[in-house]
C-alpha atoms as a PDB file:
ATOM      1  CA  MET A   1     -15.942  27.763 -96.882  1.00  0.00           C
ATOM      2  CA  MET A   2     -14.553  28.251 -93.382  1.00  0.00           C
ATOM      3  CA  PHE A   3     -11.604  26.253 -94.145  1.00  0.00           C
ATOM      4  CA  ARG A   4     -10.641  28.601 -97.200  1.00  0.00           C
ATOM      5  CA  TYR A   5     -11.507  31.411 -95.045  1.00  0.00           C
ATOM      6  CA  LEU A   6      -8.747  30.125 -92.654  1.00  0.00           C
ATOM      7  CA  ILE A   7      -6.364  29.497 -95.147  1.00  0.00           C
ATOM      8  CA  TYR A   8      -6.912  32.799 -97.059  1.00  0.00           C
ATOM      9  CA  TYR A   9      -6.189  34.800 -93.963  1.00  0.00           C
ATOM     10  CA  ASN A  10      -3.486  32.547 -92.637  1.00  0.00           C
ATOM     11  CA  ILE A  11      -5.259  31.977 -89.390  1.00  0.00           C
ATOM     12  CA  PRO A  12      -3.990  28.878 -87.377  1.00  0.00           C
ATOM     13  CA  TYR A  13      -6.361  25.699 -86.727  1.00  0.00           C
ATOM     14  CA  THR A  14      -6.904  22.520 -85.304  1.00  0.00           C
ATOM     15  CA  LEU A  15      -8.960  19.995 -87.057  1.00  0.00           C
ATOM     16  CA  VAL A  16     -11.255  18.102 -84.749  1.00  0.00           C
ATOM     17  CA  ALA A  17     -12.933  14.904 -86.121  1.00  0.00           C
ATOM     18  CA  THR A  18     -16.014  14.172 -83.908  1.00  0.00           C
ATOM     19  CA  LYS A  19     -17.968  11.172 -83.909  1.00  0.00           C
ATOM     20  CA  ALA A  20     -14.806   9.152 -83.076  1.00  0.00           C
ATOM     21  CA  ASP A  21     -16.733   6.581 -81.201  1.00  0.00           C
ATOM     22  CA  LYS A  22     -18.821   5.633 -84.528  1.00  0.00           C
ATOM     23  CA  ILE A  23     -15.320   4.373 -85.785  1.00  0.00           C
ATOM     24  CA  ALA A  24     -13.156   1.219 -84.587  1.00  0.00           C
ATOM     25  CA  LYS A  25     -10.653   2.587 -82.187  1.00  0.00           C
ATOM     26  CA  SER A  26      -7.747   0.978 -84.388  1.00  0.00           C
ATOM     27  CA  LYS A  27      -8.810   3.043 -87.161  1.00  0.00           C
ATOM     28  CA  CYS A  28      -9.941   6.254 -85.524  1.00  0.00           C
ATOM     29  CA  ARG A  29      -6.698   8.453 -85.915  1.00  0.00           C
ATOM     30  CA  GLN A  30      -6.286   7.146 -89.621  1.00  0.00           C
ATOM     31  CA  GLU A  31      -9.507   8.165 -90.536  1.00  0.00           C
ATOM     32  CA  ALA A  32      -9.421  11.567 -88.816  1.00  0.00           C
ATOM     33  CA  ASN A  33      -6.282  12.134 -90.836  1.00  0.00           C
ATOM     34  CA  LYS A  34      -7.539  11.112 -93.831  1.00  0.00           C
ATOM     35  CA  ARG A  35     -10.420  13.489 -93.697  1.00  0.00           C
ATOM     36  CA  ALA A  36      -8.326  16.315 -92.815  1.00  0.00           C
ATOM     37  CA  LYS A  37      -6.095  15.398 -95.862  1.00  0.00           C
ATOM     38  CA  GLU A  38      -9.408  15.344 -98.130  1.00  0.00           C
ATOM     39  CA  LEU A  39      -9.856  19.075 -97.162  1.00  0.00           C
ATOM     40  CA  GLY A  40      -6.565  19.765 -98.202  1.00  0.00           C
ATOM     41  CA  ALA A  41      -5.104  20.275 -94.852  1.00  0.00           C
ATOM     42  CA  PRO A  42      -2.165  18.787 -93.310  1.00  0.00           C
ATOM     43  CA  PRO A  43      -3.237  15.224 -92.563  1.00  0.00           C
ATOM     44  CA  PHE A  44      -3.575  15.792 -88.445  1.00  0.00           C
ATOM     45  CA  ALA A  45      -6.864  15.834 -86.836  1.00  0.00           C
ATOM     46  CA  ILE A  46      -7.843  14.949 -83.334  1.00  0.00           C
ATOM     47  CA  PRO A  47     -10.433  12.284 -83.085  1.00  0.00           C
ATOM     48  CA  PHE A  48     -13.073  13.392 -80.626  1.00  0.00           C
ATOM     49  CA  SER A  49     -16.193  11.882 -78.853  1.00  0.00           C
ATOM     50  CA  SER A  50     -18.560  13.464 -76.583  1.00  0.00           C
ATOM     51  CA  GLU A  51     -20.030  10.030 -76.043  1.00  0.00           C
ATOM     52  CA  THR A  52     -16.668   8.198 -74.783  1.00  0.00           C
ATOM     53  CA  GLY A  53     -14.622  11.360 -74.113  1.00  0.00           C
ATOM     54  CA  GLU A  54     -11.924   9.880 -76.399  1.00  0.00           C
ATOM     55  CA  GLY A  55      -9.653  12.962 -77.320  1.00  0.00           C
ATOM     56  CA  LYS A  56     -10.620  15.014 -74.720  1.00  0.00           C
ATOM     57  CA  ALA A  57      -7.088  15.275 -73.075  1.00  0.00           C
ATOM     58  CA  GLU A  58      -5.441  15.930 -76.411  1.00  0.00           C
ATOM     59  CA  LEU A  59      -7.974  18.629 -77.176  1.00  0.00           C
ATOM     60  CA  LEU A  60      -7.752  20.317 -73.941  1.00  0.00           C
ATOM     61  CA  ARG A  61      -3.905  20.260 -74.363  1.00  0.00           C
ATOM     62  CA  ARG A  62      -4.111  21.757 -77.715  1.00  0.00           C
ATOM     63  CA  LEU A  63      -6.756  24.416 -76.525  1.00  0.00           C
ATOM     64  CA  GLY A  64      -4.236  25.359 -73.712  1.00  0.00           C
ATOM     65  CA  GLN A  65      -1.243  25.693 -75.910  1.00  0.00           C
ATOM     66  CA  ILE A  66      -3.284  28.015 -78.374  1.00  0.00           C
ATOM     67  CA  PHE A  67      -4.285  30.082 -75.357  1.00  0.00           C
ATOM     68  CA  ARG A  68      -0.724  30.266 -74.179  1.00  0.00           C
ATOM     69  CA  ASP A  69       0.317  31.051 -77.525  1.00  0.00           C
ATOM     70  CA  CYS A  70      -2.067  34.126 -77.923  1.00  0.00           C
ATOM     71  CA  MET A  71      -0.924  35.234 -74.164  1.00  0.00           C
ATOM     72  CA  GLN A  72       2.439  35.244 -75.431  1.00  0.00           C
ATOM     73  CA  ILE A  73       1.791  37.238 -78.698  1.00  0.00           C
ATOM     74  CA  GLU A  74       0.035  39.691 -76.577  1.00  0.00           C
ATOM     75  CA  LYS A  75       2.753  39.943 -73.846  1.00  0.00           C
ATOM     76  CA  ASP A  76       5.264  40.538 -76.879  1.00  0.00           C
ATOM     77  CA  SER A  77       3.290  43.223 -78.658  1.00  0.00           C
ATOM     78  CA  GLU A  78       2.813  45.152 -75.578  1.00  0.00           C
ATOM     79  CA  LYS A  79       6.763  45.230 -75.413  1.00  0.00           C
ATOM     80  CA  GLU A  80       6.894  46.964 -78.582  1.00  0.00           C
END
C-alpha cells in the first residue's frame, strides 16, 4: 500500500531489506534485489542487519545523499 502511494505521488524512495543476517552473505544482495523486483520496484535494495551492522554504512551514505539533495532543493527554491 505504501509503495503504491510513493509511486503514485512520484516520491523518491530507497528500499531496505532487513534481516540480512538470516541469508547467506553470498546471496544477500541478490535476494534483496529479487524482493524489490517482486514489489515492482527497480531491482535494487540495501541489505541491512541490525544484528551484524551489515549495510549500515551503505544506508547511512544513502540517507546522507537524500539529506543533501533535499537541502539543495530547498536552497534552489529560495533563489526563485
